[in-house]
Each structure stands twice: as C-alpha cells, then as structure tokens.
Amino acid sequence: MSVKMTKIDIITRQGKFEDLKEALGKIGITGMTVSQVLGCGMQKGLTEYYRGVPVEVNLLPKVRIEVVVCEIPVDLVVETAQKVLRTGKIGDGKIFVYEVANVIKIRTGEQGRDALQDHE
C-alpha cells in the first residue's frame, strides 16, 4: 500500500454546502461524509432574543464535509473549496488536511486505494 491518501475536512457555513458539493463533484469527488456540527471561532457566537430577553449563542451551526483523496490532487480540492467558500468575512470556515494511514472497505475487505474506488 504505497499510494498516498489524504483526508480533507472542511468546516463552513451551512448555506454554502450545496455550492461546495456541486464544485467538488465537478473536479471528480464522488464520495463525502457530511455532518451538521456546532462551533465557534473568531465570531464568538452571537446574541439572539428569546421572548425579548437577550440570549448568547456561543456555538453556531456549521457543516463539516470530509473527503479522502488519492488520485485527485489535494491542492485542487483545497483551491476549489476556497474559491466557493471565501466571502472575506469572519465565519468562512477552516480546511484541515491529514495523511491517512489506511482505508478498509468493510463490505469487501479491500484496503488502501482499492477501498476508495466506486466499482462493484
């Protein structure tokens, strides 16, 4: 298993998800894991009003997209995500890049690059 595999986690605003999904599909990303998450960073939350009383909301709803790539260049994925997600305002999100030691497809037992392929 000498093929380099990389995991890319993208955390961003929920409203940008569909645009990102479409853009990633255009560069060949065929699979992803998507989670609804809560988080805060520089935004430090916001103040909302419930029945006229101010309430601090410290964790904001975000979406987390996880992809693992071995053939599509990591730089292309990162550049595509930045292009779609960047507004220049606080809250655009973060991209995390990790090396992946191994992937095992549970159904077939395939490992590494073979486990990432969409063949039957």
PDB file of N, CA and C in Angstrom:
ATOM      1  N   MET A   1       0.843  -1.178   0.000  1.00  0.00           N
ATOM      2  CA  MET A   1       0.000   0.000   0.000  1.00  0.00           C
ATOM      3  C   MET A   1       0.888   1.240   0.000  1.00  0.00           C
ATOM      4  N   SER A   2       1.352   1.628  -1.177  1.00  0.00           N
ATOM      5  CA  SER A   2       2.264   2.760  -1.266  1.00  0.00           C
ATOM      6  C   SER A   2       1.598   4.025  -1.814  1.00  0.00           C
ATOM      7  N   VAL A   3       0.302   3.964  -2.057  1.00  0.00           N
ATOM      8  CA  VAL A   3      -0.409   5.122  -2.568  1.00  0.00           C
ATOM      9  C   VAL A   3      -0.690   6.085  -1.422  1.00  0.00           C
ATOM     10  N   LYS A   4      -0.367   7.358  -1.631  1.00  0.00           N
ATOM     11  CA  LYS A   4      -0.617   8.367  -0.600  1.00  0.00           C
ATOM     12  C   LYS A   4      -2.095   8.727  -0.599  1.00  0.00           C
ATOM     13  N   MET A   5      -2.700   8.648   0.591  1.00  0.00           N
ATOM     14  CA  MET A   5      -4.102   9.024   0.754  1.00  0.00           C
ATOM     15  C   MET A   5      -4.173  10.196   1.719  1.00  0.00           C
ATOM     16  N   THR A   6      -5.067  11.136   1.441  1.00  0.00           N
ATOM     17  CA  THR A   6      -5.182  12.345   2.243  1.00  0.00           C
ATOM     18  C   THR A   6      -6.639  12.598   2.586  1.00  0.00           C
ATOM     19  N   LYS A   7      -6.884  12.934   3.851  1.00  0.00           N
ATOM     20  CA  LYS A   7      -8.227  13.305   4.297  1.00  0.00           C
ATOM     21  C   LYS A   7      -8.296  14.820   4.385  1.00  0.00           C
ATOM     22  N   ILE A   8      -9.374  15.382   3.861  1.00  0.00           N
ATOM     23  CA  ILE A   8      -9.594  16.816   3.891  1.00  0.00           C
ATOM     24  C   ILE A   8     -10.912  17.064   4.611  1.00  0.00           C
ATOM     25  N   ASP A   9     -10.850  17.797   5.717  1.00  0.00           N
ATOM     26  CA  ASP A   9     -12.038  18.199   6.475  1.00  0.00           C
ATOM     27  C   ASP A   9     -12.295  19.670   6.192  1.00  0.00           C
ATOM     28  N   ILE A  10     -13.508  19.979   5.804  1.00  0.00           N
ATOM     29  CA  ILE A  10     -13.898  21.358   5.516  1.00  0.00           C
ATOM     30  C   ILE A  10     -15.060  21.699   6.450  1.00  0.00           C
ATOM     31  N   ILE A  11     -14.883  22.737   7.246  1.00  0.00           N
ATOM     32  CA  ILE A  11     -15.942  23.194   8.139  1.00  0.00           C
ATOM     33  C   ILE A  11     -16.328  24.601   7.705  1.00  0.00           C
ATOM     34  N   THR A  12     -17.616  24.797   7.404  1.00  0.00           N
ATOM     35  CA  THR A  12     -18.049  26.085   6.867  1.00  0.00           C
ATOM     36  C   THR A  12     -19.511  26.355   7.179  1.00  0.00           C
ATOM     37  N   ARG A  13     -20.012  27.451   6.657  1.00  0.00           N
ATOM     38  CA  ARG A  13     -21.421  27.833   6.834  1.00  0.00           C
ATOM     39  C   ARG A  13     -22.327  26.821   6.150  1.00  0.00           C
ATOM     40  N   GLN A  14     -23.476  26.562   6.759  1.00  0.00           N
ATOM     41  CA  GLN A  14     -24.427  25.609   6.185  1.00  0.00           C
ATOM     42  C   GLN A  14     -24.946  26.062   4.822  1.00  0.00           C
ATOM     43  N   GLY A  15     -25.124  27.344   4.659  1.00  0.00           N
ATOM     44  CA  GLY A  15     -25.682  27.864   3.418  1.00  0.00           C
ATOM     45  C   GLY A  15     -24.798  27.689   2.199  1.00  0.00           C
ATOM     46  N   LYS A  16     -23.529  27.359   2.399  1.00  0.00           N
ATOM     47  CA  LYS A  16     -22.598  27.196   1.280  1.00  0.00           C
ATOM     48  C   LYS A  16     -22.445  25.736   0.852  1.00  0.00           C
ATOM     49  N   PHE A  17     -23.096  24.811   1.577  1.00  0.00           N
ATOM     50  CA  PHE A  17     -22.862  23.387   1.331  1.00  0.00           C
ATOM     51  C   PHE A  17     -23.203  22.959  -0.095  1.00  0.00           C
ATOM     52  N   GLU A  18     -24.374  23.314  -0.591  1.00  0.00           N
ATOM     53  CA  GLU A  18     -24.786  22.850  -1.929  1.00  0.00           C
ATOM     54  C   GLU A  18     -23.825  23.333  -3.009  1.00  0.00           C
ATOM     55  N   ASP A  19     -23.371  24.578  -2.908  1.00  0.00           N
ATOM     56  CA  ASP A  19     -22.412  25.106  -3.883  1.00  0.00           C
ATOM     57  C   ASP A  19     -21.103  24.325  -3.821  1.00  0.00           C
ATOM     58  N   LEU A  20     -20.651  24.019  -2.602  1.00  0.00           N
ATOM     59  CA  LEU A  20     -19.407  23.270  -2.438  1.00  0.00           C
ATOM     60  C   LEU A  20     -19.554  21.854  -2.975  1.00  0.00           C
ATOM     61  N   LYS A  21     -20.658  21.206  -2.664  1.00  0.00           N
ATOM     62  CA  LYS A  21     -20.887  19.834  -3.137  1.00  0.00           C
ATOM     63  C   LYS A  21     -20.853  19.774  -4.662  1.00  0.00           C
ATOM     64  N   GLU A  22     -21.493  20.734  -5.299  1.00  0.00           N
ATOM     65  CA  GLU A  22     -21.511  20.790  -6.764  1.00  0.00           C
ATOM     66  C   GLU A  22     -20.102  21.004  -7.325  1.00  0.00           C
ATOM     67  N   ALA A  23     -19.355  21.930  -6.731  1.00  0.00           N
ATOM     68  CA  ALA A  23     -17.992  22.223  -7.202  1.00  0.00           C
ATOM     69  C   ALA A  23     -17.070  21.017  -7.013  1.00  0.00           C
ATOM     70  N   LEU A  24     -17.182  20.326  -5.882  1.00  0.00           N
ATOM     71  CA  LEU A  24     -16.351  19.145  -5.645  1.00  0.00           C
ATOM     72  C   LEU A  24     -16.709  18.024  -6.627  1.00  0.00           C
ATOM     73  N   GLY A  25     -17.985  17.883  -6.944  1.00  0.00           N
ATOM     74  CA  GLY A  25     -18.407  16.892  -7.935  1.00  0.00           C
ATOM     75  C   GLY A  25     -17.797  17.164  -9.299  1.00  0.00           C
ATOM     76  N   LYS A  26     -17.673  18.431  -9.661  1.00  0.00           N
ATOM     77  CA  LYS A  26     -17.100  18.800 -10.966  1.00  0.00           C
ATOM     78  C   LYS A  26     -15.622  18.446 -11.079  1.00  0.00           C
ATOM     79  N   ILE A  27     -14.904  18.370  -9.936  1.00  0.00           N
ATOM     80  CA  ILE A  27     -13.474  18.015 -10.018  1.00  0.00           C
ATOM     81  C   ILE A  27     -13.249  16.520  -9.760  1.00  0.00           C
ATOM     82  N   GLY A  28     -14.352  15.756  -9.611  1.00  0.00           N
ATOM     83  CA  GLY A  28     -14.222  14.309  -9.520  1.00  0.00           C
ATOM     84  C   GLY A  28     -14.396  13.698  -8.141  1.00  0.00           C
ATOM     85  N   ILE A  29     -14.793  14.484  -7.161  1.00  0.00           N
ATOM     86  CA  ILE A  29     -15.045  13.926  -5.827  1.00  0.00           C
ATOM     87  C   ILE A  29     -16.371  13.173  -5.895  1.00  0.00           C
ATOM     88  N   THR A  30     -16.331  11.859  -5.656  1.00  0.00           N
ATOM     89  CA  THR A  30     -17.536  11.041  -5.780  1.00  0.00           C
ATOM     90  C   THR A  30     -18.132  10.644  -4.442  1.00  0.00           C
ATOM     91  N   GLY A  31     -17.378  10.804  -3.363  1.00  0.00           N
ATOM     92  CA  GLY A  31     -17.901  10.433  -2.060  1.00  0.00           C
ATOM     93  C   GLY A  31     -17.479  11.422  -0.998  1.00  0.00           C
ATOM     94  N   MET A  32     -18.346  11.606  -0.030  1.00  0.00           N
ATOM     95  CA  MET A  32     -18.037  12.511   1.074  1.00  0.00           C
ATOM     96  C   MET A  32     -18.907  12.129   2.256  1.00  0.00           C
ATOM     97  N   THR A  33     -18.468  12.533   3.430  1.00  0.00           N
ATOM     98  CA  THR A  33     -19.263  12.395   4.638  1.00  0.00           C
ATOM     99  C   THR A  33     -19.596  13.794   5.108  1.00  0.00           C
ATOM    100  N   VAL A  34     -20.867  14.025   5.426  1.00  0.00           N
ATOM    101  CA  VAL A  34     -21.325  15.352   5.804  1.00  0.00           C
ATOM    102  C   VAL A  34     -21.980  15.274   7.176  1.00  0.00           C
ATOM    103  N   SER A  35     -21.597  16.189   8.060  1.00  0.00           N
ATOM    104  CA  SER A  35     -22.158  16.244   9.410  1.00  0.00           C
ATOM    105  C   SER A  35     -22.598  17.661   9.728  1.00  0.00           C
ATOM    106  N   GLN A  36     -23.685  17.761  10.456  1.00  0.00           N
ATOM    107  CA  GLN A  36     -24.107  19.054  10.994  1.00  0.00           C
ATOM    108  C   GLN A  36     -23.389  19.198  12.333  1.00  0.00           C
ATOM    109  N   VAL A  37     -22.645  20.277  12.505  1.00  0.00           N
ATOM    110  CA  VAL A  37     -21.860  20.468  13.719  1.00  0.00           C
ATOM    111  C   VAL A  37     -22.118  21.859  14.295  1.00  0.00           C
ATOM    112  N   LEU A  38     -21.657  22.066  15.515  1.00  0.00           N
ATOM    113  CA  LEU A  38     -21.708  23.375  16.154  1.00  0.00           C
ATOM    114  C   LEU A  38     -20.288  23.802  16.450  1.00  0.00           C
ATOM    115  N   GLY A  39     -20.002  25.093  16.308  1.00  0.00           N
ATOM    116  CA  GLY A  39     -18.654  25.550  16.587  1.00  0.00           C
ATOM    117  C   GLY A  39     -18.591  27.054  16.744  1.00  0.00           C
ATOM    118  N   CYS A  40     -17.441  27.497  17.221  1.00  0.00           N
ATOM    119  CA  CYS A  40     -17.204  28.935  17.301  1.00  0.00           C
ATOM    120  C   CYS A  40     -15.719  29.175  17.099  1.00  0.00           C
ATOM    121  N   GLY A  41     -15.429  30.348  16.658  1.00  0.00           N
ATOM    122  CA  GLY A  41     -14.049  30.763  16.442  1.00  0.00           C
ATOM    123  C   GLY A  41     -13.995  32.254  16.714  1.00  0.00           C
ATOM    124  N   MET A  42     -13.515  32.994  15.743  1.00  0.00           N
ATOM    125  CA  MET A  42     -13.418  34.444  15.887  1.00  0.00           C
ATOM    126  C   MET A  42     -14.789  35.096  16.059  1.00  0.00           C
ATOM    127  N   GLN A  43     -15.837  34.453  15.553  1.00  0.00           N
ATOM    128  CA  GLN A  43     -17.175  35.024  15.651  1.00  0.00           C
ATOM    129  C   GLN A  43     -17.637  35.131  17.095  1.00  0.00           C
ATOM    130  N   LYS A  44     -17.189  34.233  17.940  1.00  0.00           N
ATOM    131  CA  LYS A  44     -17.577  34.203  19.354  1.00  0.00           C
ATOM    132  C   LYS A  44     -19.088  34.133  19.540  1.00  0.00           C
ATOM    133  N   GLY A  45     -19.777  33.561  18.579  1.00  0.00           N
ATOM    134  CA  GLY A  45     -21.225  33.431  18.707  1.00  0.00           C
ATOM    135  C   GLY A  45     -21.949  34.711  18.359  1.00  0.00           C
ATOM    136  N   LEU A  46     -23.196  34.787  18.779  1.00  0.00           N
ATOM    137  CA  LEU A  46     -23.999  35.966  18.504  1.00  0.00           C
ATOM    138  C   LEU A  46     -25.066  36.092  19.582  1.00  0.00           C
ATOM    139  N   THR A  47     -25.726  37.228  19.602  1.00  0.00           N
ATOM    140  CA  THR A  47     -26.796  37.454  20.570  1.00  0.00           C
ATOM    141  C   THR A  47     -28.128  37.367  19.849  1.00  0.00           C
ATOM    142  N   GLU A  48     -28.999  36.491  20.326  1.00  0.00           N
ATOM    143  CA  GLU A  48     -30.356  36.387  19.801  1.00  0.00           C
ATOM    144  C   GLU A  48     -31.306  36.748  20.918  1.00  0.00           C
ATOM    145  N   TYR A  49     -32.543  36.979  20.560  1.00  0.00           N
ATOM    146  CA  TYR A  49     -33.533  37.345  21.559  1.00  0.00           C
ATOM    147  C   TYR A  49     -34.618  36.273  21.626  1.00  0.00           C
ATOM    148  N   TYR A  50     -34.898  35.801  22.832  1.00  0.00           N
ATOM    149  CA  TYR A  50     -35.946  34.829  23.063  1.00  0.00           C
ATOM    150  C   TYR A  50     -36.948  35.475  24.011  1.00  0.00           C
ATOM    151  N   ARG A  51     -38.154  35.722  23.505  1.00  0.00           N
ATOM    152  CA  ARG A  51     -39.199  36.392  24.278  1.00  0.00           C
ATOM    153  C   ARG A  51     -38.706  37.723  24.868  1.00  0.00           C
ATOM    154  N   GLY A  52     -37.953  38.450  24.063  1.00  0.00           N
ATOM    155  CA  GLY A  52     -37.478  39.761  24.464  1.00  0.00           C
ATOM    156  C   GLY A  52     -36.249  39.778  25.353  1.00  0.00           C
ATOM    157  N   VAL A  53     -35.748  38.600  25.691  1.00  0.00           N
ATOM    158  CA  VAL A  53     -34.583  38.507  26.575  1.00  0.00           C
ATOM    159  C   VAL A  53     -33.360  38.138  25.732  1.00  0.00           C
ATOM    160  N   PRO A  54     -32.264  38.902  25.828  1.00  0.00           N
ATOM    161  CA  PRO A  54     -31.064  38.548  25.056  1.00  0.00           C
ATOM    162  C   PRO A  54     -30.464  37.225  25.543  1.00  0.00           C
ATOM    163  N   VAL A  55     -30.114  36.379  24.582  1.00  0.00           N
ATOM    164  CA  VAL A  55     -29.512  35.079  24.873  1.00  0.00           C
ATOM    165  C   VAL A  55     -28.244  34.959  24.037  1.00  0.00           C
ATOM    166  N   GLU A  56     -27.117  34.664  24.692  1.00  0.00           N
ATOM    167  CA  GLU A  56     -25.856  34.475  23.972  1.00  0.00           C
ATOM    168  C   GLU A  56     -25.827  33.079  23.346  1.00  0.00           C
ATOM    169  N   VAL A  57     -25.619  33.032  22.057  1.00  0.00           N
ATOM    170  CA  VAL A  57     -25.465  31.764  21.354  1.00  0.00           C
ATOM    171  C   VAL A  57     -23.978  31.647  21.026  1.00  0.00           C
ATOM    172  N   ASN A  58     -23.260  30.832  21.789  1.00  0.00           N
ATOM    173  CA  ASN A  58     -21.810  30.744  21.633  1.00  0.00           C
ATOM    174  C   ASN A  58     -21.378  29.751  20.567  1.00  0.00           C
ATOM    175  N   LEU A  59     -22.205  28.772  20.293  1.00  0.00           N
ATOM    176  CA  LEU A  59     -21.876  27.790  19.265  1.00  0.00           C
ATOM    177  C   LEU A  59     -22.824  27.979  18.089  1.00  0.00           C
ATOM    178  N   LEU A  60     -22.248  28.183  16.922  1.00  0.00           N
ATOM    179  CA  LEU A  60     -23.035  28.427  15.719  1.00  0.00           C
ATOM    180  C   LEU A  60     -23.131  27.164  14.873  1.00  0.00           C
ATOM    181  N   PRO A  61     -24.257  26.968  14.170  1.00  0.00           N
ATOM    182  CA  PRO A  61     -24.390  25.786  13.313  1.00  0.00           C
ATOM    183  C   PRO A  61     -23.456  25.898  12.107  1.00  0.00           C
ATOM    184  N   LYS A  62     -22.745  24.814  11.849  1.00  0.00           N
ATOM    185  CA  LYS A  62     -21.830  24.718  10.710  1.00  0.00           C
ATOM    186  C   LYS A  62     -22.048  23.365  10.038  1.00  0.00           C
ATOM    187  N   VAL A  63     -21.431  23.167   8.898  1.00  0.00           N
ATOM    188  CA  VAL A  63     -21.456  21.877   8.229  1.00  0.00           C
ATOM    189  C   VAL A  63     -20.008  21.410   8.069  1.00  0.00           C
ATOM    190  N   ARG A  64     -19.780  20.113   8.284  1.00  0.00           N
ATOM    191  CA  ARG A  64     -18.442  19.534   8.158  1.00  0.00           C
ATOM    192  C   ARG A  64     -18.470  18.517   7.021  1.00  0.00           C
ATOM    193  N   ILE A  65     -17.611  18.722   6.037  1.00  0.00           N
ATOM    194  CA  ILE A  65     -17.508  17.837   4.881  1.00  0.00           C
ATOM    195  C   ILE A  65     -16.166  17.128   4.973  1.00  0.00           C
ATOM    196  N   GLU A  66     -16.184  15.803   4.922  1.00  0.00           N
ATOM    197  CA  GLU A  66     -14.959  15.016   4.991  1.00  0.00           C
ATOM    198  C   GLU A  66     -14.806  14.242   3.683  1.00  0.00           C
ATOM    199  N   VAL A  67     -13.646  14.368   3.045  1.00  0.00           N
ATOM    200  CA  VAL A  67     -13.339  13.590   1.844  1.00  0.00           C
ATOM    201  C   VAL A  67     -11.945  12.990   1.993  1.00  0.00           C
ATOM    202  N   VAL A  68     -11.755  11.821   1.381  1.00  0.00           N
ATOM    203  CA  VAL A  68     -10.435  11.208   1.323  1.00  0.00           C
ATOM    204  C   VAL A  68     -10.089  11.066  -0.146  1.00  0.00           C
ATOM    205  N   VAL A  69      -8.912  11.560  -0.527  1.00  0.00           N
ATOM    206  CA  VAL A  69      -8.489  11.513  -1.927  1.00  0.00           C
ATOM    207  C   VAL A  69      -7.147  10.814  -2.054  1.00  0.00           C
ATOM    208  N   CYS A  70      -6.959  10.178  -3.211  1.00  0.00           N
ATOM    209  CA  CYS A  70      -5.641   9.613  -3.511  1.00  0.00           C
ATOM    210  C   CYS A  70      -5.226   9.943  -4.943  1.00  0.00           C
ATOM    211  N   GLU A  71      -6.175  10.170  -5.831  1.00  0.00           N
ATOM    212  CA  GLU A  71      -5.844  10.483  -7.214  1.00  0.00           C
ATOM    213  C   GLU A  71      -6.102  11.948  -7.562  1.00  0.00           C
ATOM    214  N   ILE A  72      -7.105  12.530  -6.972  1.00  0.00           N
ATOM    215  CA  ILE A  72      -7.393  13.949  -7.200  1.00  0.00           C
ATOM    216  C   ILE A  72      -6.416  14.752  -6.339  1.00  0.00           C
ATOM    217  N   PRO A  73      -5.694  15.708  -6.937  1.00  0.00           N
ATOM    218  CA  PRO A  73      -4.707  16.474  -6.172  1.00  0.00           C
ATOM    219  C   PRO A  73      -5.332  17.229  -4.994  1.00  0.00           C
ATOM    220  N   VAL A  74      -4.695  17.129  -3.842  1.00  0.00           N
ATOM    221  CA  VAL A  74      -5.163  17.800  -2.631  1.00  0.00           C
ATOM    222  C   VAL A  74      -5.270  19.304  -2.873  1.00  0.00           C
ATOM    223  N   ASP A  75      -4.273  19.879  -3.534  1.00  0.00           N
ATOM    224  CA  ASP A  75      -4.284  21.317  -3.802  1.00  0.00           C
ATOM    225  C   ASP A  75      -5.513  21.735  -4.602  1.00  0.00           C
ATOM    226  N   LEU A  76      -5.950  20.881  -5.537  1.00  0.00           N
ATOM    227  CA  LEU A  76      -7.134  21.189  -6.342  1.00  0.00           C
ATOM    228  C   LEU A  76      -8.384  21.216  -5.465  1.00  0.00           C
ATOM    229  N   VAL A  77      -8.496  20.267  -4.541  1.00  0.00           N
ATOM    230  CA  VAL A  77      -9.644  20.221  -3.638  1.00  0.00           C
ATOM    231  C   VAL A  77      -9.655  21.472  -2.755  1.00  0.00           C
ATOM    232  N   VAL A  78      -8.501  21.804  -2.193  1.00  0.00           N
ATOM    233  CA  VAL A  78      -8.402  22.967  -1.301  1.00  0.00           C
ATOM    234  C   VAL A  78      -8.709  24.256  -2.064  1.00  0.00           C
ATOM    235  N   GLU A  79      -8.130  24.423  -3.251  1.00  0.00           N
ATOM    236  CA  GLU A  79      -8.378  25.627  -4.050  1.00  0.00           C
ATOM    237  C   GLU A  79      -9.844  25.742  -4.437  1.00  0.00           C
ATOM    238  N   THR A  80     -10.457  24.625  -4.804  1.00  0.00           N
ATOM    239  CA  THR A  80     -11.873  24.634  -5.177  1.00  0.00           C
ATOM    240  C   THR A  80     -12.730  25.053  -3.995  1.00  0.00           C
ATOM    241  N   ALA A  81     -12.461  24.489  -2.822  1.00  0.00           N
ATOM    242  CA  ALA A  81     -13.227  24.829  -1.623  1.00  0.00           C
ATOM    243  C   ALA A  81     -13.055  26.310  -1.286  1.00  0.00           C
ATOM    244  N   GLN A  82     -11.823  26.801  -1.342  1.00  0.00           N
ATOM    245  CA  GLN A  82     -11.587  28.208  -1.026  1.00  0.00           C
ATOM    246  C   GLN A  82     -12.336  29.126  -1.989  1.00  0.00           C
ATOM    247  N   LYS A  83     -12.312  28.775  -3.258  1.00  0.00           N
ATOM    248  CA  LYS A  83     -12.965  29.596  -4.276  1.00  0.00           C
ATOM    249  C   LYS A  83     -14.471  29.704  -4.008  1.00  0.00           C
ATOM    250  N   VAL A  84     -15.076  28.584  -3.632  1.00  0.00           N
ATOM    251  CA  VAL A  84     -16.519  28.555  -3.395  1.00  0.00           C
ATOM    252  C   VAL A  84     -16.892  29.213  -2.062  1.00  0.00           C
ATOM    253  N   LEU A  85     -16.075  28.998  -1.038  1.00  0.00           N
ATOM    254  CA  LEU A  85     -16.459  29.368   0.325  1.00  0.00           C
ATOM    255  C   LEU A  85     -16.006  30.754   0.774  1.00  0.00           C
ATOM    256  N   ARG A  86     -14.992  31.312   0.145  1.00  0.00           N
ATOM    257  CA  ARG A  86     -14.423  32.578   0.629  1.00  0.00           C
ATOM    258  C   ARG A  86     -15.348  33.755   0.348  1.00  0.00           C
ATOM    259  N   THR A  87     -15.744  34.423   1.433  1.00  0.00           N
ATOM    260  CA  THR A  87     -16.503  35.672   1.309  1.00  0.00           C
ATOM    261  C   THR A  87     -15.665  36.835   1.827  1.00  0.00           C
ATOM    262  N   GLY A  88     -14.599  36.511   2.565  1.00  0.00           N
ATOM    263  CA  GLY A  88     -13.771  37.546   3.153  1.00  0.00           C
ATOM    264  C   GLY A  88     -14.261  37.990   4.521  1.00  0.00           C
ATOM    265  N   LYS A  89     -15.302  37.339   5.007  1.00  0.00           N
ATOM    266  CA  LYS A  89     -15.859  37.702   6.313  1.00  0.00           C
ATOM    267  C   LYS A  89     -15.553  36.609   7.330  1.00  0.00           C
ATOM    268  N   ILE A  90     -15.530  36.991   8.600  1.00  0.00           N
ATOM    269  CA  ILE A  90     -15.341  36.015   9.664  1.00  0.00           C
ATOM    270  C   ILE A  90     -16.450  34.974   9.572  1.00  0.00           C
ATOM    271  N   GLY A  91     -16.075  33.705   9.715  1.00  0.00           N
ATOM    272  CA  GLY A  91     -17.062  32.633   9.662  1.00  0.00           C
ATOM    273  C   GLY A  91     -17.021  31.827   8.376  1.00  0.00           C
ATOM    274  N   ASP A  92     -16.100  32.167   7.448  1.00  0.00           N
ATOM    275  CA  ASP A  92     -15.993  31.394   6.216  1.00  0.00           C
ATOM    276  C   ASP A  92     -15.640  29.938   6.496  1.00  0.00           C
ATOM    277  N   GLY A  93     -14.877  29.680   7.552  1.00  0.00           N
ATOM    278  CA  GLY A  93     -14.586  28.298   7.932  1.00  0.00           C
ATOM    279  C   GLY A  93     -13.112  27.969   7.906  1.00  0.00           C
ATOM    280  N   LYS A  94     -12.834  26.681   8.015  1.00  0.00           N
ATOM    281  CA  LYS A  94     -11.462  26.164   8.034  1.00  0.00           C
ATOM    282  C   LYS A  94     -11.388  24.909   7.171  1.00  0.00           C
ATOM    283  N   ILE A  95     -10.173  24.627   6.687  1.00  0.00           N
ATOM    284  CA  ILE A  95      -9.881  23.391   5.962  1.00  0.00           C
ATOM    285  C   ILE A  95      -8.717  22.727   6.679  1.00  0.00           C
ATOM    286  N   PHE A  96      -8.891  21.460   7.031  1.00  0.00           N
ATOM    287  CA  PHE A  96      -7.846  20.687   7.692  1.00  0.00           C
ATOM    288  C   PHE A  96      -7.419  19.560   6.753  1.00  0.00           C
ATOM    289  N   VAL A  97      -6.111  19.326   6.653  1.00  0.00           N
ATOM    290  CA  VAL A  97      -5.576  18.297   5.760  1.00  0.00           C
ATOM    291  C   VAL A  97      -4.755  17.318   6.594  1.00  0.00           C
ATOM    292  N   TYR A  98      -5.061  16.020   6.452  1.00  0.00           N
ATOM    293  CA  TYR A  98      -4.393  14.962   7.225  1.00  0.00           C
ATOM    294  C   TYR A  98      -3.918  13.851   6.300  1.00  0.00           C
ATOM    295  N   GLU A  99      -2.827  13.207   6.672  1.00  0.00           N
ATOM    296  CA  GLU A  99      -2.414  11.992   5.977  1.00  0.00           C
ATOM    297  C   GLU A  99      -3.229  10.830   6.523  1.00  0.00           C
ATOM    298  N   VAL A 100      -3.593   9.899   5.647  1.00  0.00           N
ATOM    299  CA  VAL A 100      -4.368   8.728   6.040  1.00  0.00           C
ATOM    300  C   VAL A 100      -3.468   7.501   5.941  1.00  0.00           C
ATOM    301  N   ALA A 101      -3.390   6.736   7.022  1.00  0.00           N
ATOM    302  CA  ALA A 101      -2.545   5.547   7.047  1.00  0.00           C
ATOM    303  C   ALA A 101      -3.154   4.405   6.242  1.00  0.00           C
ATOM    304  N   ASN A 102      -4.468   4.206   6.340  1.00  0.00           N
ATOM    305  CA  ASN A 102      -5.110   3.111   5.631  1.00  0.00           C
ATOM    306  C   ASN A 102      -6.609   3.339   5.587  1.00  0.00           C
ATOM    307  N   VAL A 103      -7.254   2.727   4.600  1.00  0.00           N
ATOM    308  CA  VAL A 103      -8.707   2.720   4.467  1.00  0.00           C
ATOM    309  C   VAL A 103      -9.104   1.280   4.209  1.00  0.00           C
ATOM    310  N   ILE A 104     -10.128   0.798   4.892  1.00  0.00           N
ATOM    311  CA  ILE A 104     -10.613  -0.569   4.680  1.00  0.00           C
ATOM    312  C   ILE A 104     -12.087  -0.498   4.340  1.00  0.00           C
ATOM    313  N   LYS A 105     -12.475  -1.082   3.202  1.00  0.00           N
ATOM    314  CA  LYS A 105     -13.884  -1.171   2.837  1.00  0.00           C
ATOM    315  C   LYS A 105     -14.452  -2.392   3.548  1.00  0.00           C
ATOM    316  N   ILE A 106     -15.400  -2.169   4.428  1.00  0.00           N
ATOM    317  CA  ILE A 106     -15.922  -3.240   5.271  1.00  0.00           C
ATOM    318  C   ILE A 106     -16.575  -4.343   4.436  1.00  0.00           C
ATOM    319  N   ARG A 107     -17.361  -3.977   3.429  1.00  0.00           N
ATOM    320  CA  ARG A 107     -18.098  -4.964   2.635  1.00  0.00           C
ATOM    321  C   ARG A 107     -17.193  -5.960   1.940  1.00  0.00           C
ATOM    322  N   THR A 108     -16.056  -5.495   1.380  1.00  0.00           N
ATOM    323  CA  THR A 108     -15.207  -6.362   0.563  1.00  0.00           C
ATOM    324  C   THR A 108     -13.871  -6.705   1.204  1.00  0.00           C
ATOM    325  N   GLY A 109     -13.479  -5.929   2.199  1.00  0.00           N
ATOM    326  CA  GLY A 109     -12.170  -6.136   2.805  1.00  0.00           C
ATOM    327  C   GLY A 109     -11.040  -5.462   2.047  1.00  0.00           C
ATOM    328  N   GLU A 110     -11.372  -4.785   0.940  1.00  0.00           N
ATOM    329  CA  GLU A 110     -10.334  -4.082   0.177  1.00  0.00           C
ATOM    330  C   GLU A 110      -9.698  -3.012   1.050  1.00  0.00           C
ATOM    331  N   GLN A 111      -8.416  -2.752   0.774  1.00  0.00           N
ATOM    332  CA  GLN A 111      -7.685  -1.764   1.557  1.00  0.00           C
ATOM    333  C   GLN A 111      -7.002  -0.749   0.657  1.00  0.00           C
ATOM    334  N   GLY A 112      -6.631   0.378   1.269  1.00  0.00           N
ATOM    335  CA  GLY A 112      -5.897   1.418   0.550  1.00  0.00           C
ATOM    336  C   GLY A 112      -6.700   2.021  -0.581  1.00  0.00           C
ATOM    337  N   ARG A 113      -6.030   2.286  -1.683  1.00  0.00           N
ATOM    338  CA  ARG A 113      -6.651   2.917  -2.850  1.00  0.00           C
ATOM    339  C   ARG A 113      -7.861   2.131  -3.332  1.00  0.00           C
ATOM    340  N   ASP A 114      -7.766   0.811  -3.343  1.00  0.00           N
ATOM    341  CA  ASP A 114      -8.876  -0.032  -3.823  1.00  0.00           C
ATOM    342  C   ASP A 114     -10.149   0.185  -3.014  1.00  0.00           C
ATOM    343  N   ALA A 115     -10.015   0.462  -1.724  1.00  0.00           N
ATOM    344  CA  ALA A 115     -11.184   0.683  -0.876  1.00  0.00           C
ATOM    345  C   ALA A 115     -11.886   2.003  -1.198  1.00  0.00           C
ATOM    346  N   LEU A 116     -11.202   2.929  -1.852  1.00  0.00           N
ATOM    347  CA  LEU A 116     -11.793   4.217  -2.197  1.00  0.00           C
ATOM    348  C   LEU A 116     -12.501   4.214  -3.553  1.00  0.00           C
ATOM    349  N   GLN A 117     -12.297   3.169  -4.348  1.00  0.00           N
ATOM    350  CA  GLN A 117     -12.840   3.134  -5.693  1.00  0.00           C
ATOM    351  C   GLN A 117     -14.311   2.745  -5.680  1.00  0.00           C
ATOM    352  N   ASP A 118     -15.076   3.322  -6.618  1.00  0.00           N
ATOM    353  CA  ASP A 118     -16.505   3.038  -6.734  1.00  0.00           C
ATOM    354  C   ASP A 118     -16.756   1.994  -7.806  1.00  0.00           C
ATOM    355  N   HIS A 119     -16.337   0.779  -7.571  1.00  0.00           N
ATOM    356  CA  HIS A 119     -16.618  -0.300  -8.516  1.00  0.00           C
ATOM    357  C   HIS A 119     -17.360  -1.405  -7.798  1.00  0.00           C
ATOM    358  N   GLU A 120     -18.138  -2.150  -8.519  1.00  0.00           N
ATOM    359  CA  GLU A 120     -18.948  -3.227  -7.907  1.00  0.00           C
ATOM    360  C   GLU A 120     -18.340  -4.568  -8.195  1.00  0.00           C
TER     361      GLU A 120
END
